[in-house]
């Protein structure tokens, strides 16, 4: 599925705490390698924005209960086959909005 041109039907929003910290955005910027950031960004655009909570039940998602679900990316990338396993915890709300809570 990755690599296809998907139509974004969901809006992704980063949870922001009372101090203005956005944990998922900070995690992406500070803890992921450039390869991981690129792969996650592509998957979020092409899969999560298209399917929203519909990723659950596919290789990309899992219901966790109480309104939470997990968006996960598991793949090998690059010439050396860097193995990637990344998880972003999400909550769907409103009309087609996915709130990114933690990674």
PDB file of N, CA and C in Angstrom:
ATOM      1  N   UNK A   1       0.814  -1.189   0.000  1.00  0.00           N
ATOM      2  CA  UNK A   1       0.000   0.000   0.000  1.00  0.00           C
ATOM      3  C   UNK A   1       0.862   1.259   0.000  1.00  0.00           C
ATOM      4  N   UNK A   2       1.974   1.246   0.730  1.00  0.00           N
ATOM      5  CA  UNK A   2       2.826   2.430   0.739  1.00  0.00           C
ATOM      6  C   UNK A   2       3.362   2.689  -0.658  1.00  0.00           C
ATOM      7  N   UNK A   3       3.420   3.942  -1.007  1.00  0.00           N
ATOM      8  CA  UNK A   3       3.880   4.311  -2.332  1.00  0.00           C
ATOM      9  C   UNK A   3       2.740   4.675  -3.254  1.00  0.00           C
ATOM     10  N   UNK A   4       1.518   4.367  -2.848  1.00  0.00           N
ATOM     11  CA  UNK A   4       0.369   4.730  -3.669  1.00  0.00           C
ATOM     12  C   UNK A   4      -0.057   6.157  -3.333  1.00  0.00           C
ATOM     13  N   UNK A   5      -0.809   6.743  -4.218  1.00  0.00           N
ATOM     14  CA  UNK A   5      -1.326   8.095  -3.998  1.00  0.00           C
ATOM     15  C   UNK A   5      -2.677   7.996  -3.309  1.00  0.00           C
ATOM     16  N   UNK A   6      -2.712   8.273  -2.024  1.00  0.00           N
ATOM     17  CA  UNK A   6      -3.949   8.183  -1.264  1.00  0.00           C
ATOM     18  C   UNK A   6      -4.550   9.577  -1.092  1.00  0.00           C
ATOM     19  N   UNK A   7      -5.848   9.604  -0.935  1.00  0.00           N
ATOM     20  CA  UNK A   7      -6.541  10.852  -0.689  1.00  0.00           C
ATOM     21  C   UNK A   7      -6.727  10.996   0.810  1.00  0.00           C
ATOM     22  N   UNK A   8      -6.240  12.098   1.386  1.00  0.00           N
ATOM     23  CA  UNK A   8      -6.347  12.313   2.825  1.00  0.00           C
ATOM     24  C   UNK A   8      -7.794  12.622   3.183  1.00  0.00           C
ATOM     25  N   UNK A   9      -8.404  11.712   3.920  1.00  0.00           N
ATOM     26  CA  UNK A   9      -9.776  11.935   4.358  1.00  0.00           C
ATOM     27  C   UNK A   9      -9.850  12.223   5.851  1.00  0.00           C
ATOM     28  N   UNK A  10      -8.736  12.043   6.557  1.00  0.00           N
ATOM     29  CA  UNK A  10      -8.657  12.344   7.989  1.00  0.00           C
ATOM     30  C   UNK A  10      -7.602  13.418   8.209  1.00  0.00           C
ATOM     31  N   UNK A  11      -7.838  14.246   9.184  1.00  0.00           N
ATOM     32  CA  UNK A  11      -6.873  15.256   9.602  1.00  0.00           C
ATOM     33  C   UNK A  11      -6.117  14.706  10.796  1.00  0.00           C
ATOM     34  N   UNK A  12      -4.808  14.841  10.786  1.00  0.00           N
ATOM     35  CA  UNK A  12      -3.990  14.412  11.912  1.00  0.00           C
ATOM     36  C   UNK A  12      -3.640  15.639  12.745  1.00  0.00           C
ATOM     37  N   UNK A  13      -3.841  15.530  14.055  1.00  0.00           N
ATOM     38  CA  UNK A  13      -3.493  16.610  14.977  1.00  0.00           C
ATOM     39  C   UNK A  13      -2.603  16.058  16.074  1.00  0.00           C
ATOM     40  N   UNK A  14      -1.594  16.833  16.459  1.00  0.00           N
ATOM     41  CA  UNK A  14      -0.711  16.444  17.545  1.00  0.00           C
ATOM     42  C   UNK A  14      -1.306  16.910  18.868  1.00  0.00           C
ATOM     43  N   UNK A  15      -1.447  15.986  19.833  1.00  0.00           N
ATOM     44  CA  UNK A  15      -1.864  16.365  21.182  1.00  0.00           C
ATOM     45  C   UNK A  15      -0.853  17.367  21.729  1.00  0.00           C
ATOM     46  N   UNK A  16      -1.348  18.418  22.373  1.00  0.00           N
ATOM     47  CA  UNK A  16      -0.493  19.435  22.978  1.00  0.00           C
ATOM     48  C   UNK A  16      -0.908  19.607  24.432  1.00  0.00           C
ATOM     49  N   UNK A  17       0.069  19.482  25.357  1.00  0.00           N
ATOM     50  CA  UNK A  17      -0.259  19.623  26.775  1.00  0.00           C
ATOM     51  C   UNK A  17      -0.309  21.099  27.175  1.00  0.00           C
ATOM     52  N   UNK A  18      -0.582  21.345  28.443  1.00  0.00           N
ATOM     53  CA  UNK A  18      -0.757  22.720  28.929  1.00  0.00           C
ATOM     54  C   UNK A  18       0.512  23.568  28.826  1.00  0.00           C
ATOM     55  N   UNK A  19       1.682  22.937  28.705  1.00  0.00           N
ATOM     56  CA  UNK A  19       2.946  23.674  28.543  1.00  0.00           C
ATOM     57  C   UNK A  19       3.293  23.913  27.081  1.00  0.00           C
ATOM     58  N   UNK A  20       2.470  23.365  26.181  1.00  0.00           N
ATOM     59  CA  UNK A  20       2.731  23.525  24.758  1.00  0.00           C
ATOM     60  C   UNK A  20       3.579  22.411  24.162  1.00  0.00           C
ATOM     61  N   UNK A  21       3.871  21.380  24.961  1.00  0.00           N
ATOM     62  CA  UNK A  21       4.656  20.248  24.462  1.00  0.00           C
ATOM     63  C   UNK A  21       3.773  19.331  23.634  1.00  0.00           C
ATOM     64  N   UNK A  22       4.273  18.903  22.498  1.00  0.00           N
ATOM     65  CA  UNK A  22       3.592  17.926  21.643  1.00  0.00           C
ATOM     66  C   UNK A  22       4.455  16.661  21.638  1.00  0.00           C
ATOM     67  N   UNK A  23       4.122  15.693  22.522  1.00  0.00           N
ATOM     68  CA  UNK A  23       4.994  14.522  22.702  1.00  0.00           C
ATOM     69  C   UNK A  23       5.314  13.745  21.432  1.00  0.00           C
ATOM     70  N   UNK A  24       4.352  13.540  20.558  1.00  0.00           N
ATOM     71  CA  UNK A  24       4.628  12.770  19.337  1.00  0.00           C
ATOM     72  C   UNK A  24       5.568  13.542  18.428  1.00  0.00           C
ATOM     73  N   UNK A  25       5.337  14.830  18.280  1.00  0.00           N
ATOM     74  CA  UNK A  25       6.199  15.647  17.430  1.00  0.00           C
ATOM     75  C   UNK A  25       7.627  15.691  17.989  1.00  0.00           C
ATOM     76  N   UNK A  26       7.752  15.816  19.303  1.00  0.00           N
ATOM     77  CA  UNK A  26       9.075  15.819  19.936  1.00  0.00           C
ATOM     78  C   UNK A  26       9.771  14.476  19.721  1.00  0.00           C
ATOM     79  N   UNK A  27       9.032  13.376  19.883  1.00  0.00           N
ATOM     80  CA  UNK A  27       9.581  12.038  19.671  1.00  0.00           C
ATOM     81  C   UNK A  27      10.071  11.879  18.235  1.00  0.00           C
ATOM     82  N   UNK A  28       9.275  12.315  17.280  1.00  0.00           N
ATOM     83  CA  UNK A  28       9.662  12.213  15.872  1.00  0.00           C
ATOM     84  C   UNK A  28      10.932  13.012  15.607  1.00  0.00           C
ATOM     85  N   UNK A  29      10.975  14.241  16.097  1.00  0.00           N
ATOM     86  CA  UNK A  29      12.122  15.123  15.828  1.00  0.00           C
ATOM     87  C   UNK A  29      13.392  14.710  16.566  1.00  0.00           C
ATOM     88  N   UNK A  30      13.259  14.252  17.816  1.00  0.00           N
ATOM     89  CA  UNK A  30      14.437  14.040  18.658  1.00  0.00           C
ATOM     90  C   UNK A  30      14.916  12.598  18.745  1.00  0.00           C
ATOM     91  N   UNK A  31      14.038  11.629  18.540  1.00  0.00           N
ATOM     92  CA  UNK A  31      14.435  10.252  18.800  1.00  0.00           C
ATOM     93  C   UNK A  31      14.497   9.362  17.559  1.00  0.00           C
ATOM     94  N   UNK A  32      13.861   9.752  16.483  1.00  0.00           N
ATOM     95  CA  UNK A  32      13.871   8.909  15.285  1.00  0.00           C
ATOM     96  C   UNK A  32      15.020   9.281  14.364  1.00  0.00           C
ATOM     97  N   UNK A  33      15.529   8.295  13.670  1.00  0.00           N
ATOM     98  CA  UNK A  33      16.561   8.551  12.667  1.00  0.00           C
ATOM     99  C   UNK A  33      15.902   9.213  11.455  1.00  0.00           C
ATOM    100  N   UNK A  34      16.682   9.829  10.595  1.00  0.00           N
ATOM    101  CA  UNK A  34      16.096  10.401   9.376  1.00  0.00           C
ATOM    102  C   UNK A  34      15.322   9.365   8.556  1.00  0.00           C
ATOM    103  N   UNK A  35      15.825   8.142   8.477  1.00  0.00           N
ATOM    104  CA  UNK A  35      15.132   7.079   7.733  1.00  0.00           C
ATOM    105  C   UNK A  35      13.799   6.753   8.391  1.00  0.00           C
ATOM    106  N   UNK A  36      13.791   6.653   9.715  1.00  0.00           N
ATOM    107  CA  UNK A  36      12.561   6.366  10.445  1.00  0.00           C
ATOM    108  C   UNK A  36      11.546   7.493  10.275  1.00  0.00           C
ATOM    109  N   UNK A  37      12.015   8.746  10.367  1.00  0.00           N
ATOM    110  CA  UNK A  37      11.114   9.898  10.190  1.00  0.00           C
ATOM    111  C   UNK A  37      10.470   9.887   8.816  1.00  0.00           C
ATOM    112  N   UNK A  38      11.273   9.637   7.794  1.00  0.00           N
ATOM    113  CA  UNK A  38      10.744   9.627   6.429  1.00  0.00           C
ATOM    114  C   UNK A  38       9.722   8.505   6.244  1.00  0.00           C
ATOM    115  N   UNK A  39      10.034   7.311   6.739  1.00  0.00           N
ATOM    116  CA  UNK A  39       9.123   6.180   6.594  1.00  0.00           C
ATOM    117  C   UNK A  39       7.824   6.419   7.354  1.00  0.00           C
ATOM    118  N   UNK A  40       7.920   6.929   8.583  1.00  0.00           N
ATOM    119  CA  UNK A  40       6.721   7.197   9.372  1.00  0.00           C
ATOM    120  C   UNK A  40       5.887   8.299   8.731  1.00  0.00           C
ATOM    121  N   UNK A  41       6.526   9.359   8.267  1.00  0.00           N
ATOM    122  CA  UNK A  41       5.796  10.443   7.611  1.00  0.00           C
ATOM    123  C   UNK A  41       5.041   9.952   6.394  1.00  0.00           C
ATOM    124  N   UNK A  42       5.684   9.130   5.585  1.00  0.00           N
ATOM    125  CA  UNK A  42       5.031   8.580   4.398  1.00  0.00           C
ATOM    126  C   UNK A  42       3.856   7.702   4.796  1.00  0.00           C
ATOM    127  N   UNK A  43       4.032   6.840   5.792  1.00  0.00           N
ATOM    128  CA  UNK A  43       2.957   5.944   6.232  1.00  0.00           C
ATOM    129  C   UNK A  43       1.795   6.732   6.832  1.00  0.00           C
ATOM    130  N   UNK A  44       2.093   7.777   7.568  1.00  0.00           N
ATOM    131  CA  UNK A  44       1.023   8.585   8.160  1.00  0.00           C
ATOM    132  C   UNK A  44       0.222   9.289   7.068  1.00  0.00           C
ATOM    133  N   UNK A  45       0.905   9.803   6.051  1.00  0.00           N
ATOM    134  CA  UNK A  45       0.209  10.474   4.941  1.00  0.00           C
ATOM    135  C   UNK A  45      -0.599   9.492   4.112  1.00  0.00           C
ATOM    136  N   UNK A  46       0.005   8.360   3.767  1.00  0.00           N
ATOM    137  CA  UNK A  46      -0.605   7.441   2.811  1.00  0.00           C
ATOM    138  C   UNK A  46      -1.552   6.420   3.430  1.00  0.00           C
ATOM    139  N   UNK A  47      -1.427   6.166   4.724  1.00  0.00           N
ATOM    140  CA  UNK A  47      -2.275   5.152   5.352  1.00  0.00           C
ATOM    141  C   UNK A  47      -3.173   5.779   6.414  1.00  0.00           C
ATOM    142  N   UNK A  48      -2.587   6.399   7.431  1.00  0.00           N
ATOM    143  CA  UNK A  48      -3.377   6.914   8.553  1.00  0.00           C
ATOM    144  C   UNK A  48      -4.309   8.036   8.118  1.00  0.00           C
ATOM    145  N   UNK A  49      -3.846   8.957   7.293  1.00  0.00           N
ATOM    146  CA  UNK A  49      -4.722  10.042   6.842  1.00  0.00           C
ATOM    147  C   UNK A  49      -5.825   9.529   5.916  1.00  0.00           C
ATOM    148  N   UNK A  50      -5.599   8.453   5.237  1.00  0.00           N
ATOM    149  CA  UNK A  50      -6.629   7.902   4.352  1.00  0.00           C
ATOM    150  C   UNK A  50      -7.648   7.065   5.124  1.00  0.00           C
ATOM    151  N   UNK A  51      -7.176   6.214   6.036  1.00  0.00           N
ATOM    152  CA  UNK A  51      -8.058   5.249   6.685  1.00  0.00           C
ATOM    153  C   UNK A  51      -8.502   5.639   8.083  1.00  0.00           C
ATOM    154  N   UNK A  52      -7.777   6.515   8.768  1.00  0.00           N
ATOM    155  CA  UNK A  52      -8.133   6.869  10.141  1.00  0.00           C
ATOM    156  C   UNK A  52      -8.184   5.626  10.999  1.00  0.00           C
ATOM    157  N   UNK A  53      -9.218   5.526  11.824  1.00  0.00           N
ATOM    158  CA  UNK A  53      -9.351   4.378  12.719  1.00  0.00           C
ATOM    159  C   UNK A  53      -9.552   3.076  11.944  1.00  0.00           C
ATOM    160  N   UNK A  54      -9.844   3.181  10.671  1.00  0.00           N
ATOM    161  CA  UNK A  54      -9.987   2.001   9.827  1.00  0.00           C
ATOM    162  C   UNK A  54      -8.698   1.204   9.674  1.00  0.00           C
ATOM    163  N   UNK A  55      -7.567   1.735  10.144  1.00  0.00           N
ATOM    164  CA  UNK A  55      -6.321   0.965  10.094  1.00  0.00           C
ATOM    165  C   UNK A  55      -6.376  -0.229  11.036  1.00  0.00           C
ATOM    166  N   UNK A  56      -7.276  -0.154  12.021  1.00  0.00           N
ATOM    167  CA  UNK A  56      -7.411  -1.272  12.963  1.00  0.00           C
ATOM    168  C   UNK A  56      -7.919  -2.492  12.213  1.00  0.00           C
ATOM    169  N   UNK A  57      -7.342  -3.606  12.517  1.00  0.00           N
ATOM    170  CA  UNK A  57      -7.692  -4.816  11.801  1.00  0.00           C
ATOM    171  C   UNK A  57      -6.838  -5.041  10.565  1.00  0.00           C
ATOM    172  N   UNK A  58      -5.923  -4.108  10.282  1.00  0.00           N
ATOM    173  CA  UNK A  58      -4.956  -4.276   9.201  1.00  0.00           C
ATOM    174  C   UNK A  58      -3.581  -4.412   9.844  1.00  0.00           C
ATOM    175  N   UNK A  59      -2.566  -4.604   9.022  1.00  0.00           N
ATOM    176  CA  UNK A  59      -1.205  -4.678   9.555  1.00  0.00           C
ATOM    177  C   UNK A  59      -0.758  -3.358  10.182  1.00  0.00           C
ATOM    178  N   UNK A  60      -1.486  -2.271   9.929  1.00  0.00           N
ATOM    179  CA  UNK A  60      -1.090  -0.949  10.404  1.00  0.00           C
ATOM    180  C   UNK A  60      -1.748  -0.513  11.709  1.00  0.00           C
ATOM    181  N   UNK A  61      -2.677  -1.292  12.260  1.00  0.00           N
ATOM    182  CA  UNK A  61      -3.343  -0.800  13.451  1.00  0.00           C
ATOM    183  C   UNK A  61      -3.938  -1.854  14.337  1.00  0.00           C
ATOM    184  N   UNK A  62      -4.261  -1.425  15.544  1.00  0.00           N
ATOM    185  CA  UNK A  62      -4.853  -2.321  16.526  1.00  0.00           C
ATOM    186  C   UNK A  62      -5.645  -1.495  17.528  1.00  0.00           C
ATOM    187  N   UNK A  63      -6.859  -1.935  17.837  1.00  0.00           N
ATOM    188  CA  UNK A  63      -7.668  -1.307  18.885  1.00  0.00           C
ATOM    189  C   UNK A  63      -7.047  -1.638  20.231  1.00  0.00           C
ATOM    190  N   UNK A  64      -6.938  -0.644  21.105  1.00  0.00           N
ATOM    191  CA  UNK A  64      -6.376  -0.861  22.431  1.00  0.00           C
ATOM    192  C   UNK A  64      -7.432  -0.739  23.528  1.00  0.00           C
ATOM    193  N   UNK A  65      -8.608  -0.225  23.183  1.00  0.00           N
ATOM    194  CA  UNK A  65      -9.684  -0.067  24.157  1.00  0.00           C
ATOM    195  C   UNK A  65      -9.785   1.349  24.676  1.00  0.00           C
ATOM    196  N   UNK A  66     -10.959   1.682  25.200  1.00  0.00           N
ATOM    197  CA  UNK A  66     -11.244   2.995  25.781  1.00  0.00           C
ATOM    198  C   UNK A  66     -10.947   4.136  24.808  1.00  0.00           C
ATOM    199  N   UNK A  67     -11.216   3.913  23.525  1.00  0.00           N
ATOM    200  CA  UNK A  67     -11.050   4.959  22.529  1.00  0.00           C
ATOM    201  C   UNK A  67      -9.648   5.103  21.968  1.00  0.00           C
ATOM    202  N   UNK A  68      -8.710   4.297  22.440  1.00  0.00           N
ATOM    203  CA  UNK A  68      -7.335   4.370  21.954  1.00  0.00           C
ATOM    204  C   UNK A  68      -7.087   3.312  20.894  1.00  0.00           C
ATOM    205  N   UNK A  69      -6.254   3.668  19.926  1.00  0.00           N
ATOM    206  CA  UNK A  69      -5.781   2.681  18.970  1.00  0.00           C
ATOM    207  C   UNK A  69      -4.342   2.970  18.643  1.00  0.00           C
ATOM    208  N   UNK A  70      -3.700   1.958  18.097  1.00  0.00           N
ATOM    209  CA  UNK A  70      -2.288   2.037  17.779  1.00  0.00           C
ATOM    210  C   UNK A  70      -2.123   2.051  16.263  1.00  0.00           C
ATOM    211  N   UNK A  71      -1.325   2.993  15.766  1.00  0.00           N
ATOM    212  CA  UNK A  71      -0.901   2.982  14.366  1.00  0.00           C
ATOM    213  C   UNK A  71       0.533   2.490  14.382  1.00  0.00           C
ATOM    214  N   UNK A  72       0.815   1.427  13.635  1.00  0.00           N
ATOM    215  CA  UNK A  72       2.162   0.872  13.680  1.00  0.00           C
ATOM    216  C   UNK A  72       2.731   0.702  12.278  1.00  0.00           C
ATOM    217  N   UNK A  73       4.019   0.891  12.214  1.00  0.00           N
ATOM    218  CA  UNK A  73       4.746   0.735  10.965  1.00  0.00           C
ATOM    219  C   UNK A  73       5.839  -0.288  11.206  1.00  0.00           C
ATOM    220  N   UNK A  74       5.801  -1.362  10.444  1.00  0.00           N
ATOM    221  CA  UNK A  74       6.781  -2.429  10.553  1.00  0.00           C
ATOM    222  C   UNK A  74       7.271  -2.733   9.154  1.00  0.00           C
ATOM    223  N   UNK A  75       8.538  -2.421   8.892  1.00  0.00           N
ATOM    224  CA  UNK A  75       9.074  -2.700   7.561  1.00  0.00           C
ATOM    225  C   UNK A  75      10.585  -2.582   7.549  1.00  0.00           C
ATOM    226  N   UNK A  76      11.195  -2.994   6.453  1.00  0.00           N
ATOM    227  CA  UNK A  76      12.622  -2.829   6.211  1.00  0.00           C
ATOM    228  C   UNK A  76      12.767  -1.762   5.142  1.00  0.00           C
ATOM    229  N   UNK A  77      13.721  -0.856   5.341  1.00  0.00           N
ATOM    230  CA  UNK A  77      13.926   0.225   4.379  1.00  0.00           C
ATOM    231  C   UNK A  77      15.408   0.407   4.086  1.00  0.00           C
ATOM    232  N   UNK A  78      15.677   1.063   2.996  1.00  0.00           N
ATOM    233  CA  UNK A  78      17.047   1.396   2.638  1.00  0.00           C
ATOM    234  C   UNK A  78      17.815   0.235   2.054  1.00  0.00           C
ATOM    235  N   UNK A  79      19.008   0.541   1.603  1.00  0.00           N
ATOM    236  CA  UNK A  79      19.860  -0.449   0.959  1.00  0.00           C
ATOM    237  C   UNK A  79      20.319  -1.538   1.917  1.00  0.00           C
ATOM    238  N   UNK A  80      20.504  -1.175   3.189  1.00  0.00           N
ATOM    239  CA  UNK A  80      20.966  -2.164   4.168  1.00  0.00           C
ATOM    240  C   UNK A  80      19.806  -2.867   4.864  1.00  0.00           C
ATOM    241  N   UNK A  81      18.575  -2.517   4.498  1.00  0.00           N
ATOM    242  CA  UNK A  81      17.409  -3.172   5.070  1.00  0.00           C
ATOM    243  C   UNK A  81      17.175  -2.838   6.527  1.00  0.00           C
ATOM    244  N   UNK A  82      17.328  -1.561   6.881  1.00  0.00           N
ATOM    245  CA  UNK A  82      17.092  -1.144   8.264  1.00  0.00           C
ATOM    246  C   UNK A  82      15.681  -1.547   8.686  1.00  0.00           C
ATOM    247  N   UNK A  83      15.588  -2.311   9.775  1.00  0.00           N
ATOM    248  CA  UNK A  83      14.295  -2.764  10.287  1.00  0.00           C
ATOM    249  C   UNK A  83      13.669  -1.651  11.111  1.00  0.00           C
ATOM    250  N   UNK A  84      12.428  -1.358  10.811  1.00  0.00           N
ATOM    251  CA  UNK A  84      11.702  -0.302  11.508  1.00  0.00           C
ATOM    252  C   UNK A  84      10.460  -0.908  12.155  1.00  0.00           C
ATOM    253  N   UNK A  85      10.265  -0.600  13.422  1.00  0.00           N
ATOM    254  CA  UNK A  85       9.021  -0.900  14.118  1.00  0.00           C
ATOM    255  C   UNK A  85       8.699   0.328  14.949  1.00  0.00           C
ATOM    256  N   UNK A  86       7.702   1.071  14.517  1.00  0.00           N
ATOM    257  CA  UNK A  86       7.302   2.307  15.193  1.00  0.00           C
ATOM    258  C   UNK A  86       5.823   2.234  15.523  1.00  0.00           C
ATOM    259  N   UNK A  87       5.461   2.808  16.671  1.00  0.00           N
ATOM    260  CA  UNK A  87       4.057   2.839  17.088  1.00  0.00           C
ATOM    261  C   UNK A  87       3.693   4.254  17.508  1.00  0.00           C
ATOM    262  N   UNK A  88       2.514   4.673  17.075  1.00  0.00           N
ATOM    263  CA  UNK A  88       1.952   5.953  17.500  1.00  0.00           C
ATOM    264  C   UNK A  88       0.579   5.649  18.089  1.00  0.00           C
ATOM    265  N   UNK A  89       0.345   6.120  19.296  1.00  0.00           N
ATOM    266  CA  UNK A  89      -0.932   5.899  19.962  1.00  0.00           C
ATOM    267  C   UNK A  89      -1.863   7.054  19.632  1.00  0.00           C
ATOM    268  N   UNK A  90      -3.097   6.715  19.255  1.00  0.00           N
ATOM    269  CA  UNK A  90      -4.018   7.682  18.672  1.00  0.00           C
ATOM    270  C   UNK A  90      -5.408   7.563  19.294  1.00  0.00           C
ATOM    271  N   UNK A  91      -6.187   8.613  19.055  1.00  0.00           N
ATOM    272  CA  UNK A  91      -7.602   8.641  19.431  1.00  0.00           C
ATOM    273  C   UNK A  91      -8.339   9.364  18.305  1.00  0.00           C
ATOM    274  N   UNK A  92      -9.377   8.742  17.774  1.00  0.00           N
ATOM    275  CA  UNK A  92     -10.181   9.371  16.724  1.00  0.00           C
ATOM    276  C   UNK A  92     -11.307  10.151  17.391  1.00  0.00           C
ATOM    277  N   UNK A  93     -11.553  11.364  16.896  1.00  0.00           N
ATOM    278  CA  UNK A  93     -12.648  12.151  17.460  1.00  0.00           C
ATOM    279  C   UNK A  93     -13.190  13.097  16.411  1.00  0.00           C
ATOM    280  N   UNK A  94     -14.386  13.618  16.702  1.00  0.00           N
ATOM    281  CA  UNK A  94     -15.001  14.587  15.791  1.00  0.00           C
ATOM    282  C   UNK A  94     -15.228  13.989  14.420  1.00  0.00           C
ATOM    283  N   UNK A  95     -15.291  14.885  13.462  1.00  0.00           N
ATOM    284  CA  UNK A  95     -15.529  14.477  12.092  1.00  0.00           C
ATOM    285  C   UNK A  95     -14.196  14.267  11.381  1.00  0.00           C
ATOM    286  N   UNK A  96     -13.739  13.018  11.431  1.00  0.00           N
ATOM    287  CA  UNK A  96     -12.535  12.624  10.698  1.00  0.00           C
ATOM    288  C   UNK A  96     -11.248  13.298  11.180  1.00  0.00           C
ATOM    289  N   UNK A  97     -11.051  13.289  12.493  1.00  0.00           N
ATOM    290  CA  UNK A  97      -9.827  13.817  13.083  1.00  0.00           C
ATOM    291  C   UNK A  97      -9.161  12.696  13.894  1.00  0.00           C
ATOM    292  N   UNK A  98      -7.858  12.545  13.737  1.00  0.00           N
ATOM    293  CA  UNK A  98      -7.091  11.581  14.523  1.00  0.00           C
ATOM    294  C   UNK A  98      -6.106  12.380  15.365  1.00  0.00           C
ATOM    295  N   UNK A  99      -6.203  12.228  16.683  1.00  0.00           N
ATOM    296  CA  UNK A  99      -5.315  12.898  17.617  1.00  0.00           C
ATOM    297  C   UNK A  99      -4.146  11.975  17.919  1.00  0.00           C
ATOM    298  N   UNK A 100      -2.925  12.449  17.659  1.00  0.00           N
ATOM    299  CA  UNK A 100      -1.701  11.672  17.881  1.00  0.00           C
ATOM    300  C   UNK A 100      -1.233  11.950  19.312  1.00  0.00           C
ATOM    301  N   UNK A 101      -1.251  10.929  20.160  1.00  0.00           N
ATOM    302  CA  UNK A 101      -1.019  11.107  21.599  1.00  0.00           C
ATOM    303  C   UNK A 101       0.408  10.821  22.036  1.00  0.00           C
ATOM    304  N   UNK A 102       0.988   9.729  21.604  1.00  0.00           N
ATOM    305  CA  UNK A 102       2.312   9.333  22.047  1.00  0.00           C
ATOM    306  C   UNK A 102       2.945   8.388  21.049  1.00  0.00           C
ATOM    307  N   UNK A 103       4.271   8.264  21.120  1.00  0.00           N
ATOM    308  CA  UNK A 103       4.971   7.385  20.193  1.00  0.00           C
ATOM    309  C   UNK A 103       6.071   6.649  20.887  1.00  0.00           C
TER     310      UNK A 103
END
